[in-house]
Amino acid sequence: MMRPFHEVDVFTDTRYQGNPVAVVLDADGLSTEEMQQVANWTNLSETTFVLPPSAPEAHYRVRIFTPVSELPFAGHPTLGTCHTWLSVTPEAEKLDVVVQECEAGLIALRRIDGRLAFGAPPQTRSGPVEEDLTAELARQVGVARSSVVDAQWVDNGPGWVALLLDSADAVLAARPGAIDHEVGIVGLYPPGSPEAVEVRAFFQTAPGTAEDPVTGSLNASLAQWLLATGRLQAPYVAAQGTVLGRRGRVHISQDDDGTVWVAGGTITCVSGQIDL
């Protein structure tokens, strides 16, 4: 059966400079095993499958797969999926808020300054990281322990633990080895810079370590942490993907009620059909 298939570049306003996600529409009837096989075949960091919602408040349901497993939530797939759903649902353009259903629950999306944004989900694990683990993670990502200003669990589904380094330059200079956690590192640029922070994200792979070009889930929980501790003020822009030759830009804002919004550009690069 032929199903609509798209690849969307996310967290960029320049085609082929962000993080791509594959989106399969009309995925009803596919088994978990079939979805996982397709995600393994596309070999992108995530592939999503759009289904009818089961929650009455939701406009659609999405399942999110890496090449090897399913995720309860991920940021750039959320924006890329919503972008694609809107492109085939013209009447939805009048909606102020789109509600996505995923394993992590209901995720609200809206447009902020012309870019799609998702409301940062609550963290499933937060709090300080013990010293032994902080030192080990610094070693694994290739930075000196003395350059780590703080360490925090910032897990909103993928398992993130974050290291705040003493500068953006220290983030760019990191040279990771093998890791055993999903690790994000972040460092502040000097005041007055176009971007507030530089972010990098590392995943465990077999064998070794992979770096993600631009990571919505990590930036969401980093924003919750750094805004709550007064290290940053919203709105701000995070840069990511620099070391990989990408130009990812994540736009962070915050409502008066404290809700953090994570926005980025979304551009369709591939449109067609996939036989499933």
C-alpha atoms as a PDB file:
ATOM      1  CA  MET A   1       0.000   0.000   0.000  1.00  0.00           C
ATOM      2  CA  MET A   2       1.364   3.395  -0.988  1.00  0.00           C
ATOM      3  CA  ARG A   3       1.462   5.928   1.854  1.00  0.00           C
ATOM      4  CA  PRO A   4       2.514   9.618   1.797  1.00  0.00           C
ATOM      5  CA  PHE A   5       6.158  10.058   2.810  1.00  0.00           C
ATOM      6  CA  HIS A   6       8.064  13.264   3.575  1.00  0.00           C
ATOM      7  CA  GLU A   7      11.470  14.266   4.860  1.00  0.00           C
ATOM      8  CA  VAL A   8      11.559  17.562   6.729  1.00  0.00           C
ATOM      9  CA  ASP A   9      14.575  19.610   7.810  1.00  0.00           C
ATOM     10  CA  VAL A  10      13.960  20.972  11.315  1.00  0.00           C
ATOM     11  CA  PHE A  11      15.459  23.745  13.456  1.00  0.00           C
ATOM     12  CA  THR A  12      16.772  25.662  10.484  1.00  0.00           C
ATOM     13  CA  ASP A  13      15.658  28.367   8.079  1.00  0.00           C
ATOM     14  CA  THR A  14      18.200  27.126   5.508  1.00  0.00           C
ATOM     15  CA  ARG A  15      17.517  23.867   3.669  1.00  0.00           C
ATOM     16  CA  TYR A  16      19.876  20.985   4.542  1.00  0.00           C
ATOM     17  CA  GLN A  17      21.385  22.798   7.536  1.00  0.00           C
ATOM     18  CA  GLY A  18      19.170  21.391  10.339  1.00  0.00           C
ATOM     19  CA  ASN A  19      18.124  17.916  11.472  1.00  0.00           C
ATOM     20  CA  PRO A  20      16.032  15.787   9.076  1.00  0.00           C
ATOM     21  CA  VAL A  21      13.105  13.599  10.114  1.00  0.00           C
ATOM     22  CA  ALA A  22      11.140  11.137   7.978  1.00  0.00           C
ATOM     23  CA  VAL A  23       7.346  11.298   8.317  1.00  0.00           C
ATOM     24  CA  VAL A  24       4.973   8.552   7.159  1.00  0.00           C
ATOM     25  CA  LEU A  25       1.352   9.705   6.951  1.00  0.00           C
ATOM     26  CA  ASP A  26      -1.740   7.472   7.011  1.00  0.00           C
ATOM     27  CA  ALA A  27       0.190   4.866   9.002  1.00  0.00           C
ATOM     28  CA  ASP A  28      -2.889   3.153  10.434  1.00  0.00           C
ATOM     29  CA  GLY A  29      -2.608  -0.635  10.077  1.00  0.00           C
ATOM     30  CA  LEU A  30       1.177  -0.824  10.297  1.00  0.00           C
ATOM     31  CA  SER A  31       2.549  -3.037  13.052  1.00  0.00           C
ATOM     32  CA  THR A  32       5.214  -1.944  15.510  1.00  0.00           C
ATOM     33  CA  GLU A  33       7.641  -4.304  13.783  1.00  0.00           C
ATOM     34  CA  GLU A  34       6.922  -2.753  10.388  1.00  0.00           C
ATOM     35  CA  MET A  35       7.410   0.769  11.740  1.00  0.00           C
ATOM     36  CA  GLN A  36      10.689  -0.214  13.354  1.00  0.00           C
ATOM     37  CA  GLN A  37      11.894  -1.806  10.113  1.00  0.00           C
ATOM     38  CA  VAL A  38      11.156   1.355   8.136  1.00  0.00           C
ATOM     39  CA  ALA A  39      12.939   3.495  10.743  1.00  0.00           C
ATOM     40  CA  ASN A  40      15.933   1.189  10.543  1.00  0.00           C
ATOM     41  CA  TRP A  41      15.896   1.501   6.746  1.00  0.00           C
ATOM     42  CA  THR A  42      15.650   5.305   6.592  1.00  0.00           C
ATOM     43  CA  ASN A  43      18.616   5.366   8.994  1.00  0.00           C
ATOM     44  CA  LEU A  44      17.708   8.866  10.176  1.00  0.00           C
ATOM     45  CA  SER A  45      17.840   9.726  13.848  1.00  0.00           C
ATOM     46  CA  GLU A  46      14.027   9.478  13.918  1.00  0.00           C
ATOM     47  CA  THR A  47      11.161   8.394  11.691  1.00  0.00           C
ATOM     48  CA  THR A  48       7.567   9.147  12.668  1.00  0.00           C
ATOM     49  CA  PHE A  49       4.251   7.516  11.832  1.00  0.00           C
ATOM     50  CA  VAL A  50       1.035   9.539  11.913  1.00  0.00           C
ATOM     51  CA  LEU A  51      -2.113   7.810  13.136  1.00  0.00           C
ATOM     52  CA  PRO A  52      -5.666   8.788  14.109  1.00  0.00           C
ATOM     53  CA  PRO A  53      -5.758  10.121  17.684  1.00  0.00           C
ATOM     54  CA  SER A  54      -7.133   8.086  20.569  1.00  0.00           C
ATOM     55  CA  ALA A  55      -7.439  11.123  22.877  1.00  0.00           C
ATOM     56  CA  PRO A  56     -10.413  13.367  22.040  1.00  0.00           C
ATOM     57  CA  GLU A  57      -8.335  16.521  22.588  1.00  0.00           C
ATOM     58  CA  ALA A  58      -5.661  15.490  20.050  1.00  0.00           C
ATOM     59  CA  HIS A  59      -5.595  16.283  16.347  1.00  0.00           C
ATOM     60  CA  TYR A  60      -3.367  13.319  15.482  1.00  0.00           C
ATOM     61  CA  ARG A  61      -1.250  10.636  17.151  1.00  0.00           C
ATOM     62  CA  VAL A  62       2.400  10.012  16.363  1.00  0.00           C
ATOM     63  CA  ARG A  63       4.781   7.165  17.064  1.00  0.00           C
ATOM     64  CA  ILE A  64       8.471   8.046  17.010  1.00  0.00           C
ATOM     65  CA  PHE A  65      11.211   5.523  16.178  1.00  0.00           C
ATOM     66  CA  THR A  66      14.991   5.662  16.042  1.00  0.00           C
ATOM     67  CA  PRO A  67      16.677   3.018  13.864  1.00  0.00           C
ATOM     68  CA  VAL A  68      16.675   0.671  16.871  1.00  0.00           C
ATOM     69  CA  SER A  69      13.853   1.612  19.277  1.00  0.00           C
ATOM     70  CA  GLU A  70      10.710   3.638  19.919  1.00  0.00           C
ATOM     71  CA  LEU A  71      10.828   6.940  21.829  1.00  0.00           C
ATOM     72  CA  PRO A  72       8.051   8.394  24.004  1.00  0.00           C
ATOM     73  CA  PHE A  73       8.907  11.932  22.858  1.00  0.00           C
ATOM     74  CA  ALA A  74      11.441  13.790  20.743  1.00  0.00           C
ATOM     75  CA  GLY A  75      11.563  17.439  19.766  1.00  0.00           C
ATOM     76  CA  HIS A  76      12.554  17.741  16.126  1.00  0.00           C
ATOM     77  CA  PRO A  77      10.255  14.851  15.099  1.00  0.00           C
ATOM     78  CA  THR A  78       7.413  16.669  16.868  1.00  0.00           C
ATOM     79  CA  LEU A  79       7.966  19.850  14.843  1.00  0.00           C
ATOM     80  CA  GLY A  80       8.592  17.979  11.584  1.00  0.00           C
ATOM     81  CA  THR A  81       5.490  15.841  12.020  1.00  0.00           C
ATOM     82  CA  CYS A  82       3.283  18.823  12.797  1.00  0.00           C
ATOM     83  CA  HIS A  83       4.707  20.706   9.787  1.00  0.00           C
ATOM     84  CA  THR A  84       3.824  17.745   7.546  1.00  0.00           C
ATOM     85  CA  TRP A  85       0.362  17.230   9.044  1.00  0.00           C
ATOM     86  CA  LEU A  86      -0.426  20.912   8.532  1.00  0.00           C
ATOM     87  CA  SER A  87       0.751  20.713   4.906  1.00  0.00           C
ATOM     88  CA  VAL A  88      -1.885  18.061   4.118  1.00  0.00           C
ATOM     89  CA  THR A  89      -4.602  19.506   6.384  1.00  0.00           C
ATOM     90  CA  PRO A  90      -5.255  22.990   4.993  1.00  0.00           C
ATOM     91  CA  GLU A  91      -8.214  23.633   7.286  1.00  0.00           C
ATOM     92  CA  ALA A  92      -5.893  23.242  10.287  1.00  0.00           C
ATOM     93  CA  GLU A  93      -4.035  26.461   9.437  1.00  0.00           C
ATOM     94  CA  LYS A  94      -6.732  28.381  11.288  1.00  0.00           C
ATOM     95  CA  LEU A  95      -5.994  26.521  14.534  1.00  0.00           C
ATOM     96  CA  ASP A  96      -4.242  28.549  17.221  1.00  0.00           C
ATOM     97  CA  VAL A  97      -2.998  25.372  18.905  1.00  0.00           C
ATOM     98  CA  VAL A  98      -2.372  21.892  17.491  1.00  0.00           C
ATOM     99  CA  VAL A  99      -2.409  19.004  19.971  1.00  0.00           C
ATOM    100  CA  GLN A 100      -0.174  16.037  19.247  1.00  0.00           C
ATOM    101  CA  GLU A 101      -0.689  12.744  21.030  1.00  0.00           C
ATOM    102  CA  CYS A 102       2.410  10.626  21.651  1.00  0.00           C
ATOM    103  CA  GLU A 103       3.586   8.082  24.200  1.00  0.00           C
ATOM    104  CA  ALA A 104       4.675  10.907  26.522  1.00  0.00           C
ATOM    105  CA  GLY A 105       1.151  12.385  26.489  1.00  0.00           C
ATOM    106  CA  LEU A 106      -0.411  15.408  24.810  1.00  0.00           C
ATOM    107  CA  ILE A 107       1.973  18.008  23.361  1.00  0.00           C
ATOM    108  CA  ALA A 108       0.698  21.472  22.418  1.00  0.00           C
ATOM    109  CA  LEU A 109       2.132  23.199  19.351  1.00  0.00           C
ATOM    110  CA  ARG A 110       1.641  26.736  18.075  1.00  0.00           C
ATOM    111  CA  ARG A 111       3.344  29.287  15.841  1.00  0.00           C
ATOM    112  CA  ILE A 112       5.677  31.856  17.393  1.00  0.00           C
ATOM    113  CA  ASP A 113       7.136  34.470  15.033  1.00  0.00           C
ATOM    114  CA  GLY A 114       6.265  32.274  12.073  1.00  0.00           C
ATOM    115  CA  ARG A 115       7.982  29.152  13.427  1.00  0.00           C
ATOM    116  CA  LEU A 116       6.350  26.051  14.862  1.00  0.00           C
ATOM    117  CA  ALA A 117       6.917  25.630  18.590  1.00  0.00           C
ATOM    118  CA  PHE A 118       6.111  22.888  21.066  1.00  0.00           C
ATOM    119  CA  GLY A 119       5.447  23.315  24.752  1.00  0.00           C
ATOM    120  CA  ALA A 120       8.260  21.671  26.703  1.00  0.00           C
ATOM    121  CA  PRO A 121       6.964  18.516  28.430  1.00  0.00           C
ATOM    122  CA  PRO A 122       7.562  17.889  32.124  1.00  0.00           C
ATOM    123  CA  GLN A 123      10.766  16.148  33.045  1.00  0.00           C
ATOM    124  CA  THR A 124      10.614  12.563  34.229  1.00  0.00           C
ATOM    125  CA  ARG A 125      13.905  12.954  36.083  1.00  0.00           C
ATOM    126  CA  SER A 126      15.640  16.095  37.291  1.00  0.00           C
ATOM    127  CA  GLY A 127      18.044  17.146  40.020  1.00  0.00           C
ATOM    128  CA  PRO A 128      21.809  17.236  40.502  1.00  0.00           C
ATOM    129  CA  VAL A 129      24.162  14.549  39.241  1.00  0.00           C
ATOM    130  CA  GLU A 130      26.420  12.821  41.765  1.00  0.00           C
ATOM    131  CA  GLU A 131      30.091  13.783  41.619  1.00  0.00           C
ATOM    132  CA  ASP A 132      31.407  10.401  40.511  1.00  0.00           C
ATOM    133  CA  LEU A 133      29.071  10.336  37.514  1.00  0.00           C
ATOM    134  CA  THR A 134      29.788  13.977  36.668  1.00  0.00           C
ATOM    135  CA  ALA A 135      33.525  13.293  36.539  1.00  0.00           C
ATOM    136  CA  GLU A 136      32.999  10.158  34.445  1.00  0.00           C
ATOM    137  CA  LEU A 137      30.727  11.940  31.960  1.00  0.00           C
ATOM    138  CA  ALA A 138      33.252  14.781  31.618  1.00  0.00           C
ATOM    139  CA  ARG A 139      35.885  12.196  30.749  1.00  0.00           C
ATOM    140  CA  GLN A 140      33.586  10.453  28.270  1.00  0.00           C
ATOM    141  CA  VAL A 141      32.706  13.637  26.361  1.00  0.00           C
ATOM    142  CA  GLY A 142      36.323  14.759  26.351  1.00  0.00           C
ATOM    143  CA  VAL A 143      36.343  17.812  28.617  1.00  0.00           C
ATOM    144  CA  ALA A 144      38.245  18.614  31.788  1.00  0.00           C
ATOM    145  CA  ARG A 145      36.295  18.137  35.019  1.00  0.00           C
ATOM    146  CA  SER A 146      37.348  21.661  35.978  1.00  0.00           C
ATOM    147  CA  SER A 147      35.442  23.089  33.006  1.00  0.00           C
ATOM    148  CA  VAL A 148      32.117  21.601  34.226  1.00  0.00           C
ATOM    149  CA  VAL A 149      30.241  24.329  36.098  1.00  0.00           C
ATOM    150  CA  ASP A 150      27.212  22.197  36.968  1.00  0.00           C
ATOM    151  CA  ALA A 151      25.554  18.879  36.090  1.00  0.00           C
ATOM    152  CA  GLN A 152      21.852  18.060  36.085  1.00  0.00           C
ATOM    153  CA  TRP A 153      19.448  15.318  35.117  1.00  0.00           C
ATOM    154  CA  VAL A 154      17.205  16.861  32.451  1.00  0.00           C
ATOM    155  CA  ASP A 155      15.344  13.791  31.242  1.00  0.00           C
ATOM    156  CA  ASN A 156      12.031  14.338  29.456  1.00  0.00           C
ATOM    157  CA  GLY A 157      11.951  10.945  27.780  1.00  0.00           C
ATOM    158  CA  PRO A 158      15.217  10.138  25.971  1.00  0.00           C
ATOM    159  CA  GLY A 159      17.250   9.934  29.218  1.00  0.00           C
ATOM    160  CA  TRP A 160      19.189  13.197  29.114  1.00  0.00           C
ATOM    161  CA  VAL A 161      21.860  14.203  31.594  1.00  0.00           C
ATOM    162  CA  ALA A 162      23.440  17.629  31.007  1.00  0.00           C
ATOM    163  CA  LEU A 163      26.806  19.208  31.720  1.00  0.00           C
ATOM    164  CA  LEU A 164      27.033  23.002  31.859  1.00  0.00           C
ATOM    165  CA  LEU A 165      30.537  23.989  30.716  1.00  0.00           C
ATOM    166  CA  ASP A 166      32.286  27.268  31.421  1.00  0.00           C
ATOM    167  CA  SER A 167      31.986  28.599  27.848  1.00  0.00           C
ATOM    168  CA  ALA A 168      30.582  27.947  24.410  1.00  0.00           C
ATOM    169  CA  ASP A 169      34.144  27.503  23.172  1.00  0.00           C
ATOM    170  CA  ALA A 170      34.608  24.623  25.623  1.00  0.00           C
ATOM    171  CA  VAL A 171      31.508  22.963  24.138  1.00  0.00           C
ATOM    172  CA  LEU A 172      32.864  23.299  20.598  1.00  0.00           C
ATOM    173  CA  ALA A 173      36.251  21.926  21.671  1.00  0.00           C
ATOM    174  CA  ALA A 174      34.845  18.747  23.284  1.00  0.00           C
ATOM    175  CA  ARG A 175      35.995  15.507  21.661  1.00  0.00           C
ATOM    176  CA  PRO A 176      33.843  12.637  22.947  1.00  0.00           C
ATOM    177  CA  GLY A 177      34.835   9.019  23.217  1.00  0.00           C
ATOM    178  CA  ALA A 178      32.532   6.129  24.046  1.00  0.00           C
ATOM    179  CA  ILE A 179      29.637   7.156  26.315  1.00  0.00           C
ATOM    180  CA  ASP A 180      27.181   5.190  28.424  1.00  0.00           C
ATOM    181  CA  HIS A 181      24.472   7.863  28.901  1.00  0.00           C
ATOM    182  CA  GLU A 182      22.544  10.218  26.641  1.00  0.00           C
ATOM    183  CA  VAL A 183      24.612  13.343  27.337  1.00  0.00           C
ATOM    184  CA  GLY A 184      24.077  16.986  26.464  1.00  0.00           C
ATOM    185  CA  ILE A 185      26.669  19.695  26.951  1.00  0.00           C
ATOM    186  CA  VAL A 186      25.942  23.421  26.936  1.00  0.00           C
ATOM    187  CA  GLY A 187      27.999  26.576  27.328  1.00  0.00           C
ATOM    188  CA  LEU A 188      27.143  30.263  27.333  1.00  0.00           C
ATOM    189  CA  TYR A 189      28.344  32.735  24.719  1.00  0.00           C
ATOM    190  CA  PRO A 190      29.512  36.180  25.915  1.00  0.00           C
ATOM    191  CA  PRO A 191      26.714  38.722  26.484  1.00  0.00           C
ATOM    192  CA  GLY A 192      25.636  40.441  23.283  1.00  0.00           C
ATOM    193  CA  SER A 193      26.372  37.448  21.028  1.00  0.00           C
ATOM    194  CA  PRO A 194      23.718  36.492  18.433  1.00  0.00           C
ATOM    195  CA  GLU A 195      23.218  33.130  20.163  1.00  0.00           C
ATOM    196  CA  ALA A 196      23.009  32.681  23.915  1.00  0.00           C
ATOM    197  CA  VAL A 197      24.416  29.156  24.117  1.00  0.00           C
ATOM    198  CA  GLU A 198      26.108  26.414  22.124  1.00  0.00           C
ATOM    199  CA  VAL A 199      24.638  22.933  22.602  1.00  0.00           C
ATOM    200  CA  ARG A 200      25.853  19.460  21.637  1.00  0.00           C
ATOM    201  CA  ALA A 201      24.071  16.140  22.147  1.00  0.00           C
ATOM    202  CA  PHE A 202      25.617  12.669  22.234  1.00  0.00           C
ATOM    203  CA  PHE A 203      23.917   9.274  21.956  1.00  0.00           C
ATOM    204  CA  GLN A 204      25.115   5.765  22.656  1.00  0.00           C
ATOM    205  CA  THR A 205      25.503   3.707  19.496  1.00  0.00           C
ATOM    206  CA  ALA A 206      26.985   0.348  18.620  1.00  0.00           C
ATOM    207  CA  PRO A 207      29.881   0.668  18.448  1.00  0.00           C
ATOM    208  CA  GLY A 208      30.634   4.098  19.857  1.00  0.00           C
ATOM    209  CA  THR A 209      29.033   7.512  20.052  1.00  0.00           C
ATOM    210  CA  ALA A 210      26.814   9.528  17.698  1.00  0.00           C
ATOM    211  CA  GLU A 211      26.271  13.282  17.771  1.00  0.00           C
ATOM    212  CA  ASP A 212      22.821  14.672  17.010  1.00  0.00           C
ATOM    213  CA  PRO A 213      22.720  17.745  14.729  1.00  0.00           C
ATOM    214  CA  VAL A 214      19.917  19.594  16.562  1.00  0.00           C
ATOM    215  CA  THR A 215      17.939  18.254  19.516  1.00  0.00           C
ATOM    216  CA  GLY A 216      14.549  19.630  20.566  1.00  0.00           C
ATOM    217  CA  SER A 217      14.030  17.459  23.630  1.00  0.00           C
ATOM    218  CA  LEU A 218      17.428  18.366  25.089  1.00  0.00           C
ATOM    219  CA  ASN A 219      17.010  22.064  24.364  1.00  0.00           C
ATOM    220  CA  ALA A 220      13.583  21.974  26.010  1.00  0.00           C
ATOM    221  CA  SER A 221      14.854  20.562  29.276  1.00  0.00           C
ATOM    222  CA  LEU A 222      18.043  22.648  29.186  1.00  0.00           C
ATOM    223  CA  ALA A 223      15.839  25.737  28.903  1.00  0.00           C
ATOM    224  CA  GLN A 224      13.731  24.652  31.879  1.00  0.00           C
ATOM    225  CA  TRP A 225      16.893  24.201  33.945  1.00  0.00           C
ATOM    226  CA  LEU A 226      18.838  27.279  32.860  1.00  0.00           C
ATOM    227  CA  LEU A 227      15.858  29.624  33.038  1.00  0.00           C
ATOM    228  CA  ALA A 228      14.825  28.328  36.483  1.00  0.00           C
ATOM    229  CA  THR A 229      18.352  28.854  37.835  1.00  0.00           C
ATOM    230  CA  GLY A 230      18.628  32.357  36.377  1.00  0.00           C
ATOM    231  CA  ARG A 231      21.532  31.540  34.086  1.00  0.00           C
ATOM    232  CA  LEU A 232      19.524  32.603  31.034  1.00  0.00           C
ATOM    233  CA  GLN A 233      16.517  34.786  30.339  1.00  0.00           C
ATOM    234  CA  ALA A 234      13.913  34.170  27.637  1.00  0.00           C
ATOM    235  CA  PRO A 235      13.701  34.715  24.783  1.00  0.00           C
ATOM    236  CA  TYR A 236      17.031  33.359  23.593  1.00  0.00           C
ATOM    237  CA  VAL A 237      18.500  31.390  20.699  1.00  0.00           C
ATOM    238  CA  ALA A 238      20.591  28.225  21.048  1.00  0.00           C
ATOM    239  CA  ALA A 239      23.065  27.147  18.372  1.00  0.00           C
ATOM    240  CA  GLN A 240      23.637  23.454  17.699  1.00  0.00           C
ATOM    241  CA  GLY A 241      25.260  21.348  14.995  1.00  0.00           C
ATOM    242  CA  THR A 242      28.199  23.700  14.435  1.00  0.00           C
ATOM    243  CA  VAL A 243      30.849  20.986  14.744  1.00  0.00           C
ATOM    244  CA  LEU A 244      28.909  18.839  12.241  1.00  0.00           C
ATOM    245  CA  GLY A 245      28.732  21.589   9.636  1.00  0.00           C
ATOM    246  CA  ARG A 246      25.054  22.335  10.339  1.00  0.00           C
ATOM    247  CA  ARG A 247      23.446  25.619  11.332  1.00  0.00           C
ATOM    248  CA  GLY A 248      20.772  24.566  13.783  1.00  0.00           C
ATOM    249  CA  ARG A 249      18.973  27.341  15.656  1.00  0.00           C
ATOM    250  CA  VAL A 250      16.536  26.665  18.498  1.00  0.00           C
ATOM    251  CA  HIS A 251      14.350  29.588  19.564  1.00  0.00           C
ATOM    252  CA  ILE A 252      13.326  29.515  23.223  1.00  0.00           C
ATOM    253  CA  SER A 253      10.540  31.611  24.748  1.00  0.00           C
ATOM    254  CA  GLN A 254       8.564  31.437  27.988  1.00  0.00           C
ATOM    255  CA  ASP A 255       4.987  32.342  28.923  1.00  0.00           C
ATOM    256  CA  ASP A 256       4.077  34.238  32.062  1.00  0.00           C
ATOM    257  CA  ASP A 257       2.909  30.957  33.594  1.00  0.00           C
ATOM    258  CA  GLY A 258       6.407  29.506  33.162  1.00  0.00           C
ATOM    259  CA  THR A 259       5.679  27.300  30.130  1.00  0.00           C
ATOM    260  CA  VAL A 260       8.768  26.979  27.944  1.00  0.00           C
ATOM    261  CA  TRP A 261       8.255  26.969  24.167  1.00  0.00           C
ATOM    262  CA  VAL A 262      10.788  25.456  21.776  1.00  0.00           C
ATOM    263  CA  ALA A 263      10.591  26.743  18.202  1.00  0.00           C
ATOM    264  CA  GLY A 264      12.472  26.218  14.974  1.00  0.00           C
ATOM    265  CA  GLY A 265      12.234  26.476  11.229  1.00  0.00           C
ATOM    266  CA  THR A 266      10.748  23.528   9.308  1.00  0.00           C
ATOM    267  CA  ILE A 267      11.339  22.916   5.582  1.00  0.00           C
ATOM    268  CA  THR A 268      10.066  19.988   3.467  1.00  0.00           C
ATOM    269  CA  CYS A 269      12.969  18.591   1.429  1.00  0.00           C
ATOM    270  CA  VAL A 270      11.454  15.339   0.102  1.00  0.00           C
ATOM    271  CA  SER A 271       7.830  14.530  -0.763  1.00  0.00           C
ATOM    272  CA  GLY A 272       6.540  11.297  -2.254  1.00  0.00           C
ATOM    273  CA  GLN A 273       5.141   7.911  -1.363  1.00  0.00           C
ATOM    274  CA  ILE A 274       6.452   4.821   0.362  1.00  0.00           C
ATOM    275  CA  ASP A 275       5.168   1.316  -0.330  1.00  0.00           C
ATOM    276  CA  LEU A 276       4.220  -0.302   2.987  1.00  0.00           C
END
